[in-house]
Amino acid sequence: MALNLAACGDSAATGGTATSTSGSSGAATTASGAGGEVIIGLITKTDTNPFFVKMKEGAEQEAKARGAKLLTAAGKFDGDNEGQVTAIENMVNAGAKGILITPSNTKAIVPAIQKARDKGVLVIALDTPTEPQEATDALFATDNKKAGVLIGQYAKAAMTGKPLKIATLDLAPGISVGNLRHDGFLEGLGLTGKDPQIVCSQDTQGDQAKGQTAMETCLQKEPDINLVYTINEPAAFGAYTALQAAGKADKVMIVSVDGGCAGVQGVVDGKIVATSQQYPLKMASMGVAAVVDYAKNGKKASGYTDTGVTLISDKAKSGVDSKDSKFGLANCWGTK
């Protein structure tokens, strides 16, 4: 499955072949860029999830500020590994000096990444680590395990003394970020994956419509669910829609991860009780800067850089560090 490869700024691409224009004449040049222009690739999981839309915006802004050319591609759905492999190949052929990627399948993408690195391309994972993490040169991401732990700790404090009936609306098999958030949530609650208090688990691919369907399925299985964990806020809004339709929205606590602007507004509106805020703008801008530095100075980024996480809730709980929705709205998506 091939992806369209779009060149941001003053360039365009169709059919997977990147072209660009530069200067006042608008004459087409090859993707290797005019005057030593640095070519950077950004591959996200989808182009519909607000988290990745904002990541793309951050990369575009940083690339423009640094005089670099940004090529972008996205999967048709979360889990589209074949599309990401094609995008890597297209970007390498287009002359990309570095590729930033949020891997859809954290294991299956590794051979394609290795081929790119073997050709001297710097590959940096954003948000989602590959398996193994060392398959990329560097990782700029939230500590997703910590993000899960924070909402788990919050839920534990908020539900003290209540018998729990938990639904987990997860991502999909084989994606490290989904596993990390899910496992962190359970750790924060003090539970294991086989605990009988977990009455339903469904995959959503981080999609709102699938989140609604998953919640409907869980309610059919166990009508008395009182705590819902969701992989992200689109899934959380889908869950809320299902709960509202069932007349149960005021009886169930939803906790989530991302802390996007719409997600924090969901906290304000009472749809989500707490969410762990991440900063994709920061991830993207740091990634672009690292590729430009590599292209110009030969300096390779390496290791893991934690871009931060903050628990957002308007109902603070003792012993759990958090900020309110005012802070969340002021910082949603983050800055460079």
C-alpha atoms as a PDB file:
ATOM      1  CA  MET A   1       0.000   0.000   0.000  1.00  0.00           C
ATOM      2  CA  ALA A   2       1.745   3.173  -1.152  1.00  0.00           C
ATOM      3  CA  LEU A   3       1.369   6.497   0.574  1.00  0.00           C
ATOM      4  CA  ASN A   4       1.184   9.870  -1.082  1.00  0.00           C
ATOM      5  CA  LEU A   5       4.376  11.730  -0.312  1.00  0.00           C
ATOM      6  CA  ALA A   6       3.677  15.412   0.223  1.00  0.00           C
ATOM      7  CA  ALA A   7       6.338  18.070   0.289  1.00  0.00           C
ATOM      8  CA  CYS A   8       5.490  20.945   2.596  1.00  0.00           C
ATOM      9  CA  GLY A   9       6.361  24.575   2.066  1.00  0.00           C
ATOM     10  CA  ASP A  10       6.713  25.555  -1.592  1.00  0.00           C
ATOM     11  CA  SER A  11       6.836  22.017  -2.946  1.00  0.00           C
ATOM     12  CA  ALA A  12       4.402  19.313  -3.925  1.00  0.00           C
ATOM     13  CA  ALA A  13       4.367  15.622  -4.715  1.00  0.00           C
ATOM     14  CA  THR A  14       2.100  13.139  -6.389  1.00  0.00           C
ATOM     15  CA  GLY A  15       2.213   9.430  -6.951  1.00  0.00           C
ATOM     16  CA  GLY A  16       4.945   8.957  -4.349  1.00  0.00           C
ATOM     17  CA  THR A  17       7.578  11.042  -6.199  1.00  0.00           C
ATOM     18  CA  ALA A  18       8.638  14.277  -4.530  1.00  0.00           C
ATOM     19  CA  THR A  19       9.346  17.458  -6.480  1.00  0.00           C
ATOM     20  CA  SER A  20      10.019  20.945  -5.263  1.00  0.00           C
ATOM     21  CA  THR A  21      10.142  24.497  -6.455  1.00  0.00           C
ATOM     22  CA  SER A  22      12.453  27.208  -5.258  1.00  0.00           C
ATOM     23  CA  GLY A  23      13.271  30.787  -6.097  1.00  0.00           C
ATOM     24  CA  SER A  24      11.053  33.305  -7.852  1.00  0.00           C
ATOM     25  CA  SER A  25      11.056  31.469 -11.169  1.00  0.00           C
ATOM     26  CA  GLY A  26       9.137  28.486  -9.759  1.00  0.00           C
ATOM     27  CA  ALA A  27      11.338  26.148 -11.788  1.00  0.00           C
ATOM     28  CA  ALA A  28      11.162  22.542 -10.629  1.00  0.00           C
ATOM     29  CA  THR A  29      14.272  21.101  -8.999  1.00  0.00           C
ATOM     30  CA  THR A  30      15.074  17.638  -7.754  1.00  0.00           C
ATOM     31  CA  ALA A  31      14.187  16.689  -4.205  1.00  0.00           C
ATOM     32  CA  SER A  32      17.843  16.816  -3.199  1.00  0.00           C
ATOM     33  CA  GLY A  33      17.191  20.534  -2.911  1.00  0.00           C
ATOM     34  CA  ALA A  34      18.666  23.666  -4.373  1.00  0.00           C
ATOM     35  CA  GLY A  35      21.774  25.181  -2.823  1.00  0.00           C
ATOM     36  CA  GLY A  36      22.374  22.346  -0.401  1.00  0.00           C
ATOM     37  CA  GLU A  37      18.857  22.490   1.031  1.00  0.00           C
ATOM     38  CA  VAL A  38      18.318  19.871   3.741  1.00  0.00           C
ATOM     39  CA  ILE A  39      15.554  17.363   3.002  1.00  0.00           C
ATOM     40  CA  ILE A  40      13.713  15.957   6.030  1.00  0.00           C
ATOM     41  CA  GLY A  41      11.001  13.304   6.061  1.00  0.00           C
ATOM     42  CA  LEU A  42       8.161  13.064   8.576  1.00  0.00           C
ATOM     43  CA  ILE A  43       6.060   9.887   8.676  1.00  0.00           C
ATOM     44  CA  THR A  44       3.134   9.801  11.107  1.00  0.00           C
ATOM     45  CA  LYS A  45       0.667   7.038  11.891  1.00  0.00           C
ATOM     46  CA  THR A  46      -2.308   8.891  10.388  1.00  0.00           C
ATOM     47  CA  ASP A  47      -3.125  12.366   9.130  1.00  0.00           C
ATOM     48  CA  THR A  48      -6.467  12.521  10.964  1.00  0.00           C
ATOM     49  CA  ASN A  49      -5.536  12.048  14.633  1.00  0.00           C
ATOM     50  CA  PRO A  50      -5.177  15.578  16.091  1.00  0.00           C
ATOM     51  CA  PHE A  51      -1.958  14.540  17.860  1.00  0.00           C
ATOM     52  CA  PHE A  52      -0.236  13.812  14.560  1.00  0.00           C
ATOM     53  CA  VAL A  53      -1.796  16.793  12.803  1.00  0.00           C
ATOM     54  CA  LYS A  54      -0.192  19.004  15.430  1.00  0.00           C
ATOM     55  CA  MET A  55       3.104  17.123  15.165  1.00  0.00           C
ATOM     56  CA  LYS A  56       3.139  17.834  11.433  1.00  0.00           C
ATOM     57  CA  GLU A  57       2.467  21.522  12.074  1.00  0.00           C
ATOM     58  CA  GLY A  58       5.382  21.681  14.489  1.00  0.00           C
ATOM     59  CA  ALA A  59       7.701  20.028  11.974  1.00  0.00           C
ATOM     60  CA  GLU A  60       6.576  22.401   9.221  1.00  0.00           C
ATOM     61  CA  GLN A  61       7.203  25.451  11.379  1.00  0.00           C
ATOM     62  CA  GLU A  62      10.674  24.321  12.428  1.00  0.00           C
ATOM     63  CA  ALA A  63      11.651  23.280   8.898  1.00  0.00           C
ATOM     64  CA  LYS A  64      10.601  26.668   7.538  1.00  0.00           C
ATOM     65  CA  ALA A  65      12.531  28.479  10.267  1.00  0.00           C
ATOM     66  CA  ARG A  66      15.660  26.506   9.444  1.00  0.00           C
ATOM     67  CA  GLY A  67      15.361  26.708   5.676  1.00  0.00           C
ATOM     68  CA  ALA A  68      14.821  22.965   5.283  1.00  0.00           C
ATOM     69  CA  LYS A  69      12.450  21.058   3.004  1.00  0.00           C
ATOM     70  CA  LEU A  70       9.939  18.811   4.759  1.00  0.00           C
ATOM     71  CA  LEU A  71       8.405  15.770   3.053  1.00  0.00           C
ATOM     72  CA  THR A  72       5.450  14.220   4.863  1.00  0.00           C
ATOM     73  CA  ALA A  73       3.509  10.966   4.692  1.00  0.00           C
ATOM     74  CA  ALA A  74       0.951   9.242   6.898  1.00  0.00           C
ATOM     75  CA  GLY A  75      -0.659   5.859   7.161  1.00  0.00           C
ATOM     76  CA  LYS A  76      -4.255   5.319   6.138  1.00  0.00           C
ATOM     77  CA  PHE A  77      -4.895   3.929   9.617  1.00  0.00           C
ATOM     78  CA  ASP A  78      -3.006   3.341  12.849  1.00  0.00           C
ATOM     79  CA  GLY A  79      -1.147   0.112  12.126  1.00  0.00           C
ATOM     80  CA  ASP A  80      -0.461   0.678   8.420  1.00  0.00           C
ATOM     81  CA  ASN A  81       3.089  -0.677   8.407  1.00  0.00           C
ATOM     82  CA  GLU A  82       3.199  -1.363   4.668  1.00  0.00           C
ATOM     83  CA  GLY A  83       2.428   2.267   3.940  1.00  0.00           C
ATOM     84  CA  GLN A  84       5.155   3.459   6.291  1.00  0.00           C
ATOM     85  CA  VAL A  85       7.705   1.145   4.663  1.00  0.00           C
ATOM     86  CA  THR A  86       6.840   2.622   1.265  1.00  0.00           C
ATOM     87  CA  ALA A  87       7.134   6.135   2.660  1.00  0.00           C
ATOM     88  CA  ILE A  88      10.614   5.434   4.034  1.00  0.00           C
ATOM     89  CA  GLU A  89      11.747   4.097   0.663  1.00  0.00           C
ATOM     90  CA  ASN A  90      10.287   7.094  -1.169  1.00  0.00           C
ATOM     91  CA  MET A  91      11.926   9.574   1.183  1.00  0.00           C
ATOM     92  CA  VAL A  92      15.328   7.904   0.943  1.00  0.00           C
ATOM     93  CA  ASN A  93      15.038   8.032  -2.855  1.00  0.00           C
ATOM     94  CA  ALA A  94      14.001  11.689  -2.617  1.00  0.00           C
ATOM     95  CA  GLY A  95      17.277  12.528  -0.890  1.00  0.00           C
ATOM     96  CA  ALA A  96      16.128  12.863   2.721  1.00  0.00           C
ATOM     97  CA  LYS A  97      19.033  13.408   5.099  1.00  0.00           C
ATOM     98  CA  GLY A  98      16.900  12.361   8.035  1.00  0.00           C
ATOM     99  CA  ILE A  99      13.516  10.744   8.678  1.00  0.00           C
ATOM    100  CA  LEU A 100      11.273  11.340  11.677  1.00  0.00           C
ATOM    101  CA  ILE A 101       8.761   8.545  12.244  1.00  0.00           C
ATOM    102  CA  THR A 102       5.982   7.544  14.620  1.00  0.00           C
ATOM    103  CA  PRO A 103       6.048   3.806  13.870  1.00  0.00           C
ATOM    104  CA  SER A 104       2.705   2.088  13.410  1.00  0.00           C
ATOM    105  CA  ASN A 105       4.097  -1.403  13.950  1.00  0.00           C
ATOM    106  CA  THR A 106       7.077  -1.023  16.216  1.00  0.00           C
ATOM    107  CA  LYS A 107       8.677  -4.356  15.290  1.00  0.00           C
ATOM    108  CA  ALA A 108       7.749  -4.805  11.635  1.00  0.00           C
ATOM    109  CA  ILE A 109       9.107  -1.384  10.625  1.00  0.00           C
ATOM    110  CA  VAL A 110      12.641  -2.134  11.882  1.00  0.00           C
ATOM    111  CA  PRO A 111      14.080  -3.712   8.687  1.00  0.00           C
ATOM    112  CA  ALA A 112      12.992  -0.712   6.589  1.00  0.00           C
ATOM    113  CA  ILE A 113      14.532   1.670   9.118  1.00  0.00           C
ATOM    114  CA  GLN A 114      17.780  -0.287   9.066  1.00  0.00           C
ATOM    115  CA  LYS A 115      17.966  -0.052   5.275  1.00  0.00           C
ATOM    116  CA  ALA A 116      17.608   3.726   5.511  1.00  0.00           C
ATOM    117  CA  ARG A 117      20.263   3.981   8.212  1.00  0.00           C
ATOM    118  CA  ASP A 118      22.610   1.819   6.151  1.00  0.00           C
ATOM    119  CA  LYS A 119      22.403   4.511   3.468  1.00  0.00           C
ATOM    120  CA  GLY A 120      23.437   7.220   5.905  1.00  0.00           C
ATOM    121  CA  VAL A 121      19.968   8.522   6.741  1.00  0.00           C
ATOM    122  CA  LEU A 122      19.436   9.662  10.343  1.00  0.00           C
ATOM    123  CA  VAL A 123      16.229   8.053  11.670  1.00  0.00           C
ATOM    124  CA  ILE A 124      14.551   9.431  14.778  1.00  0.00           C
ATOM    125  CA  ALA A 125      11.408   7.982  16.365  1.00  0.00           C
ATOM    126  CA  LEU A 126       8.874  10.472  17.698  1.00  0.00           C
ATOM    127  CA  ASP A 127       6.345   9.584  20.422  1.00  0.00           C
ATOM    128  CA  THR A 128       6.535   5.812  19.854  1.00  0.00           C
ATOM    129  CA  PRO A 129       9.721   3.780  20.369  1.00  0.00           C
ATOM    130  CA  THR A 130      10.595   0.965  18.002  1.00  0.00           C
ATOM    131  CA  GLU A 131      11.232  -2.524  19.340  1.00  0.00           C
ATOM    132  CA  PRO A 132      14.088  -2.582  20.081  1.00  0.00           C
ATOM    133  CA  GLN A 133      14.394   1.108  20.821  1.00  0.00           C
ATOM    134  CA  GLU A 134      17.970   1.053  19.444  1.00  0.00           C
ATOM    135  CA  ALA A 135      16.608   0.379  15.938  1.00  0.00           C
ATOM    136  CA  THR A 136      16.475   4.165  15.478  1.00  0.00           C
ATOM    137  CA  ASP A 137      19.318   6.595  16.067  1.00  0.00           C
ATOM    138  CA  ALA A 138      17.309   8.489  18.675  1.00  0.00           C
ATOM    139  CA  LEU A 139      13.896   8.775  20.330  1.00  0.00           C
ATOM    140  CA  PHE A 140      12.142  12.034  21.232  1.00  0.00           C
ATOM    141  CA  ALA A 141       9.025  11.108  23.193  1.00  0.00           C
ATOM    142  CA  THR A 142       6.943  11.286  26.299  1.00  0.00           C
ATOM    143  CA  ASP A 143       7.610   8.588  28.837  1.00  0.00           C
ATOM    144  CA  ASN A 144       4.441   6.757  27.821  1.00  0.00           C
ATOM    145  CA  LYS A 145       4.712   4.335  30.728  1.00  0.00           C
ATOM    146  CA  LYS A 146       4.732   7.311  33.117  1.00  0.00           C
ATOM    147  CA  ALA A 147       1.752   8.843  31.301  1.00  0.00           C
ATOM    148  CA  GLY A 148      -0.192   5.671  32.005  1.00  0.00           C
ATOM    149  CA  VAL A 149       1.013   5.463  35.591  1.00  0.00           C
ATOM    150  CA  LEU A 150      -0.191   9.013  36.288  1.00  0.00           C
ATOM    151  CA  ILE A 151      -3.765   8.388  35.186  1.00  0.00           C
ATOM    152  CA  GLY A 152      -3.726   5.045  36.988  1.00  0.00           C
ATOM    153  CA  GLN A 153      -2.623   6.710  40.209  1.00  0.00           C
ATOM    154  CA  TYR A 154      -5.293   9.352  39.769  1.00  0.00           C
ATOM    155  CA  ALA A 155      -8.006   6.761  39.177  1.00  0.00           C
ATOM    156  CA  LYS A 156      -6.895   4.801  42.232  1.00  0.00           C
ATOM    157  CA  ALA A 157      -7.126   7.909  44.427  1.00  0.00           C
ATOM    158  CA  ALA A 158     -10.462   8.959  42.926  1.00  0.00           C
ATOM    159  CA  MET A 159     -12.060   5.511  43.265  1.00  0.00           C
ATOM    160  CA  THR A 160     -10.785   4.610  46.733  1.00  0.00           C
ATOM    161  CA  GLY A 161     -13.220   2.336  48.526  1.00  0.00           C
ATOM    162  CA  LYS A 162     -15.267   1.562  45.414  1.00  0.00           C
ATOM    163  CA  PRO A 163     -15.317  -1.877  43.770  1.00  0.00           C
ATOM    164  CA  LEU A 164     -13.868  -1.376  40.313  1.00  0.00           C
ATOM    165  CA  LYS A 165     -15.281  -2.610  37.029  1.00  0.00           C
ATOM    166  CA  ILE A 166     -12.786  -1.438  34.439  1.00  0.00           C
ATOM    167  CA  ALA A 167     -12.902  -1.229  30.664  1.00  0.00           C
ATOM    168  CA  THR A 168      -9.663  -0.608  28.786  1.00  0.00           C
ATOM    169  CA  LEU A 169     -10.009   0.833  25.291  1.00  0.00           C
ATOM    170  CA  ASP A 170      -6.593   0.104  23.857  1.00  0.00           C
ATOM    171  CA  LEU A 171      -4.701   0.765  20.629  1.00  0.00           C
ATOM    172  CA  ALA A 172      -3.822  -2.412  18.710  1.00  0.00           C
ATOM    173  CA  PRO A 173      -1.461  -5.373  19.111  1.00  0.00           C
ATOM    174  CA  GLY A 174       2.212  -4.837  18.307  1.00  0.00           C
ATOM    175  CA  ILE A 175       2.437  -1.105  19.030  1.00  0.00           C
ATOM    176  CA  SER A 176       4.743  -0.206  21.894  1.00  0.00           C
ATOM    177  CA  VAL A 177       3.071   3.080  22.826  1.00  0.00           C
ATOM    178  CA  GLY A 178      -0.235   1.282  23.395  1.00  0.00           C
ATOM    179  CA  ASN A 179       1.393  -1.365  25.556  1.00  0.00           C
ATOM    180  CA  LEU A 180       3.316   1.202  27.577  1.00  0.00           C
ATOM    181  CA  ARG A 181       0.277   3.346  28.343  1.00  0.00           C
ATOM    182  CA  HIS A 182      -1.922   0.349  29.157  1.00  0.00           C
ATOM    183  CA  ASP A 183       0.679  -1.279  31.412  1.00  0.00           C
ATOM    184  CA  GLY A 184       1.429   2.025  33.127  1.00  0.00           C
ATOM    185  CA  PHE A 185      -2.259   2.587  33.855  1.00  0.00           C
ATOM    186  CA  LEU A 186      -2.547  -0.810  35.495  1.00  0.00           C
ATOM    187  CA  GLU A 187       0.666  -0.224  37.443  1.00  0.00           C
ATOM    188  CA  GLY A 188      -0.676   3.086  38.731  1.00  0.00           C
ATOM    189  CA  LEU A 189      -3.841   1.322  39.849  1.00  0.00           C
ATOM    190  CA  GLY A 190      -1.828  -1.454  41.467  1.00  0.00           C
ATOM    191  CA  LEU A 191      -3.337  -4.147  39.239  1.00  0.00           C
ATOM    192  CA  THR A 192      -2.087  -6.779  36.820  1.00  0.00           C
ATOM    193  CA  GLY A 193      -3.394  -7.542  33.349  1.00  0.00           C
ATOM    194  CA  LYS A 194      -5.320 -10.567  34.583  1.00  0.00           C
ATOM    195  CA  ASP A 195      -7.071  -8.830  37.470  1.00  0.00           C
ATOM    196  CA  PRO A 196     -10.806  -9.721  37.553  1.00  0.00           C
ATOM    197  CA  GLN A 197     -11.648  -6.040  38.021  1.00  0.00           C
ATOM    198  CA  ILE A 198     -10.771  -5.589  34.324  1.00  0.00           C
ATOM    199  CA  VAL A 199     -14.068  -6.705  32.847  1.00  0.00           C
ATOM    200  CA  CYS A 200     -13.554  -5.702  29.215  1.00  0.00           C
ATOM    201  CA  SER A 201     -10.684  -4.812  26.867  1.00  0.00           C
ATOM    202  CA  GLN A 202     -11.154  -3.686  23.276  1.00  0.00           C
ATOM    203  CA  ASP A 203      -8.840  -2.282  20.591  1.00  0.00           C
ATOM    204  CA  THR A 204      -9.782   1.072  19.036  1.00  0.00           C
ATOM    205  CA  GLN A 205      -6.796   2.079  16.844  1.00  0.00           C
ATOM    206  CA  GLY A 206      -7.094   5.410  18.652  1.00  0.00           C
ATOM    207  CA  ASP A 207     -10.180   6.224  16.583  1.00  0.00           C
ATOM    208  CA  GLN A 208     -13.299   7.968  17.895  1.00  0.00           C
ATOM    209  CA  ALA A 209     -15.835   5.856  16.013  1.00  0.00           C
ATOM    210  CA  LYS A 210     -14.048   2.649  17.009  1.00  0.00           C
ATOM    211  CA  GLY A 211     -13.888   3.934  20.586  1.00  0.00           C
ATOM    212  CA  GLN A 212     -17.662   4.307  20.595  1.00  0.00           C
ATOM    213  CA  THR A 213     -18.161   0.814  19.191  1.00  0.00           C
ATOM    214  CA  ALA A 214     -15.707  -0.631  21.722  1.00  0.00           C
ATOM    215  CA  MET A 215     -17.539   1.023  24.616  1.00  0.00           C
ATOM    216  CA  GLU A 216     -20.886  -0.254  23.344  1.00  0.00           C
ATOM    217  CA  THR A 217     -19.430  -3.762  23.219  1.00  0.00           C
ATOM    218  CA  CYS A 218     -18.105  -3.454  26.762  1.00  0.00           C
ATOM    219  CA  LEU A 219     -21.442  -2.198  28.089  1.00  0.00           C
ATOM    220  CA  GLN A 220     -23.193  -5.184  26.550  1.00  0.00           C
ATOM    221  CA  LYS A 221     -20.731  -7.444  28.335  1.00  0.00           C
ATOM    222  CA  GLU A 222     -20.810  -5.572  31.663  1.00  0.00           C
ATOM    223  CA  PRO A 223     -23.418  -2.798  32.105  1.00  0.00           C
ATOM    224  CA  ASP A 224     -21.988  -1.685  35.464  1.00  0.00           C
ATOM    225  CA  ILE A 225     -18.543  -0.529  34.284  1.00  0.00           C
ATOM    226  CA  ASN A 226     -17.468   2.465  36.373  1.00  0.00           C
ATOM    227  CA  LEU A 227     -13.924   3.209  35.154  1.00  0.00           C
ATOM    228  CA  VAL A 228     -12.741   3.531  31.559  1.00  0.00           C
ATOM    229  CA  TYR A 229      -9.144   3.865  30.393  1.00  0.00           C
ATOM    230  CA  THR A 230      -8.645   5.029  26.809  1.00  0.00           C
ATOM    231  CA  ILE A 231      -5.459   5.040  24.736  1.00  0.00           C
ATOM    232  CA  ASN A 232      -6.144   8.624  23.622  1.00  0.00           C
ATOM    233  CA  GLU A 233      -8.788  11.324  23.642  1.00  0.00           C
ATOM    234  CA  PRO A 234     -10.522  10.511  20.345  1.00  0.00           C
ATOM    235  CA  ALA A 235     -11.205   7.056  21.802  1.00  0.00           C
ATOM    236  CA  ALA A 236     -12.329   8.741  25.035  1.00  0.00           C
ATOM    237  CA  PHE A 237     -14.859  10.916  23.218  1.00  0.00           C
ATOM    238  CA  GLY A 238     -16.178   7.840  21.434  1.00  0.00           C
ATOM    239  CA  ALA A 239     -16.555   6.098  24.790  1.00  0.00           C
ATOM    240  CA  TYR A 240     -18.350   9.104  26.244  1.00  0.00           C
ATOM    241  CA  THR A 241     -20.820   9.132  23.334  1.00  0.00           C
ATOM    242  CA  ALA A 242     -21.665   5.481  23.984  1.00  0.00           C
ATOM    243  CA  LEU A 243     -22.024   6.056  27.727  1.00  0.00           C
ATOM    244  CA  GLN A 244     -24.226   9.087  27.176  1.00  0.00           C
ATOM    245  CA  ALA A 245     -26.485   7.152  24.820  1.00  0.00           C
ATOM    246  CA  ALA A 246     -26.792   4.440  27.474  1.00  0.00           C
ATOM    247  CA  GLY A 247     -27.636   6.990  30.169  1.00  0.00           C
ATOM    248  CA  LYS A 248     -24.466   6.154  32.094  1.00  0.00           C
ATOM    249  CA  ALA A 249     -22.179   9.128  31.399  1.00  0.00           C
ATOM    250  CA  ASP A 250     -22.508  10.505  34.935  1.00  0.00           C
ATOM    251  CA  LYS A 251     -21.775   7.104  36.512  1.00  0.00           C
ATOM    252  CA  VAL A 252     -18.472   6.328  34.774  1.00  0.00           C
ATOM    253  CA  MET A 253     -15.053   7.957  35.094  1.00  0.00           C
ATOM    254  CA  ILE A 254     -12.967   8.233  31.920  1.00  0.00           C
ATOM    255  CA  VAL A 255      -9.200   8.760  32.072  1.00  0.00           C
ATOM    256  CA  SER A 256      -7.031   9.174  29.009  1.00  0.00           C
ATOM    257  CA  VAL A 257      -3.709  10.253  27.491  1.00  0.00           C
ATOM    258  CA  ASP A 258      -2.549  13.050  25.126  1.00  0.00           C
ATOM    259  CA  GLY A 259      -3.758  16.314  26.657  1.00  0.00           C
ATOM    260  CA  GLY A 260      -4.549  17.880  23.303  1.00  0.00           C
ATOM    261  CA  CYS A 261      -6.574  21.069  23.190  1.00  0.00           C
ATOM    262  CA  ALA A 262      -9.839  19.232  22.455  1.00  0.00           C
ATOM    263  CA  GLY A 263      -8.937  16.673  25.112  1.00  0.00           C
ATOM    264  CA  VAL A 264      -8.394  19.314  27.783  1.00  0.00           C
ATOM    265  CA  GLN A 265     -11.676  20.917  26.756  1.00  0.00           C
ATOM    266  CA  GLY A 266     -13.145  17.488  27.424  1.00  0.00           C
ATOM    267  CA  VAL A 267     -11.852  17.840  30.996  1.00  0.00           C
ATOM    268  CA  VAL A 268     -13.503  21.267  31.246  1.00  0.00           C
ATOM    269  CA  ASP A 269     -16.775  19.817  29.937  1.00  0.00           C
ATOM    270  CA  GLY A 270     -16.663  16.865  32.342  1.00  0.00           C
ATOM    271  CA  LYS A 271     -16.359  14.193  29.652  1.00  0.00           C
ATOM    272  CA  ILE A 272     -12.843  13.193  30.732  1.00  0.00           C
ATOM    273  CA  VAL A 273     -11.863  13.373  34.402  1.00  0.00           C
ATOM    274  CA  ALA A 274      -8.091  13.271  33.946  1.00  0.00           C
ATOM    275  CA  THR A 275      -5.615  13.028  31.078  1.00  0.00           C
ATOM    276  CA  SER A 276      -1.838  12.865  30.774  1.00  0.00           C
ATOM    277  CA  GLN A 277      -0.654  15.729  28.604  1.00  0.00           C
ATOM    278  CA  GLN A 278       2.071  15.220  26.007  1.00  0.00           C
ATOM    279  CA  TYR A 279       3.850  17.719  23.765  1.00  0.00           C
ATOM    280  CA  PRO A 280       4.054  16.666  20.076  1.00  0.00           C
ATOM    281  CA  LEU A 281       5.080  20.138  18.878  1.00  0.00           C
ATOM    282  CA  LYS A 282       8.209  19.818  20.968  1.00  0.00           C
ATOM    283  CA  MET A 283       8.943  16.324  19.669  1.00  0.00           C
ATOM    284  CA  ALA A 284       8.630  17.448  16.064  1.00  0.00           C
ATOM    285  CA  SER A 285      10.653  20.647  16.357  1.00  0.00           C
ATOM    286  CA  MET A 286      13.435  18.860  18.212  1.00  0.00           C
ATOM    287  CA  GLY A 287      13.488  16.176  15.518  1.00  0.00           C
ATOM    288  CA  VAL A 288      13.772  18.671  12.672  1.00  0.00           C
ATOM    289  CA  ALA A 289      16.517  20.563  14.479  1.00  0.00           C
ATOM    290  CA  ALA A 290      18.448  17.330  15.021  1.00  0.00           C
ATOM    291  CA  VAL A 291      18.333  16.410  11.332  1.00  0.00           C
ATOM    292  CA  VAL A 292      19.478  19.885  10.259  1.00  0.00           C
ATOM    293  CA  ASP A 293      22.338  19.693  12.763  1.00  0.00           C
ATOM    294  CA  TYR A 294      23.315  16.285  11.389  1.00  0.00           C
ATOM    295  CA  ALA A 295      23.208  17.523   7.802  1.00  0.00           C
ATOM    296  CA  LYS A 296      25.311  20.587   8.503  1.00  0.00           C
ATOM    297  CA  ASN A 297      27.668  19.425  11.234  1.00  0.00           C
ATOM    298  CA  GLY A 298      27.632  15.627  11.078  1.00  0.00           C
ATOM    299  CA  LYS A 299      26.390  15.463  14.672  1.00  0.00           C
ATOM    300  CA  LYS A 300      24.044  12.522  15.248  1.00  0.00           C
ATOM    301  CA  ALA A 301      21.308  12.657  17.851  1.00  0.00           C
ATOM    302  CA  SER A 302      21.287   9.542  20.014  1.00  0.00           C
ATOM    303  CA  GLY A 303      19.518   7.928  22.931  1.00  0.00           C
ATOM    304  CA  TYR A 304      16.187   8.899  24.493  1.00  0.00           C
ATOM    305  CA  THR A 305      15.043  12.463  25.145  1.00  0.00           C
ATOM    306  CA  ASP A 306      12.015  12.759  27.440  1.00  0.00           C
ATOM    307  CA  THR A 307       9.759  15.559  26.175  1.00  0.00           C
ATOM    308  CA  GLY A 308       7.658  15.599  29.340  1.00  0.00           C
ATOM    309  CA  VAL A 309       4.206  14.660  30.634  1.00  0.00           C
ATOM    310  CA  THR A 310       1.757  16.465  32.958  1.00  0.00           C
ATOM    311  CA  LEU A 311      -1.425  15.123  34.549  1.00  0.00           C
ATOM    312  CA  ILE A 312      -4.383  17.428  33.829  1.00  0.00           C
ATOM    313  CA  SER A 313      -7.542  17.392  35.962  1.00  0.00           C
ATOM    314  CA  ASP A 314      -9.916  19.884  37.546  1.00  0.00           C
ATOM    315  CA  LYS A 315     -10.498  17.520  40.452  1.00  0.00           C
ATOM    316  CA  ALA A 316      -7.107  17.274  42.133  1.00  0.00           C
ATOM    317  CA  LYS A 317      -6.420  14.287  44.374  1.00  0.00           C
ATOM    318  CA  SER A 318      -4.119  14.260  47.377  1.00  0.00           C
ATOM    319  CA  GLY A 319      -0.786  12.602  46.674  1.00  0.00           C
ATOM    320  CA  VAL A 320      -1.132  12.828  42.879  1.00  0.00           C
ATOM    321  CA  ASP A 321       0.681  15.698  41.138  1.00  0.00           C
ATOM    322  CA  SER A 322      -1.548  17.445  38.629  1.00  0.00           C
ATOM    323  CA  LYS A 323      -2.332  20.760  36.937  1.00  0.00           C
ATOM    324  CA  ASP A 324      -5.774  22.156  36.195  1.00  0.00           C
ATOM    325  CA  SER A 325      -7.446  22.645  32.818  1.00  0.00           C
ATOM    326  CA  LYS A 326      -6.366  26.290  32.678  1.00  0.00           C
ATOM    327  CA  PHE A 327      -2.753  25.114  32.586  1.00  0.00           C
ATOM    328  CA  GLY A 328      -3.732  22.336  30.191  1.00  0.00           C
ATOM    329  CA  LEU A 329      -5.361  24.709  27.697  1.00  0.00           C
ATOM    330  CA  ALA A 330      -2.406  27.090  27.868  1.00  0.00           C
ATOM    331  CA  ASN A 331       0.045  24.250  27.150  1.00  0.00           C
ATOM    332  CA  CYS A 332      -1.945  21.832  24.985  1.00  0.00           C
ATOM    333  CA  TRP A 333       0.227  20.278  22.275  1.00  0.00           C
ATOM    334  CA  GLY A 334       3.227  22.108  23.682  1.00  0.00           C
ATOM    335  CA  THR A 335       5.685  24.531  22.129  1.00  0.00           C
ATOM    336  CA  LYS A 336       9.096  24.270  20.571  1.00  0.00           C
END
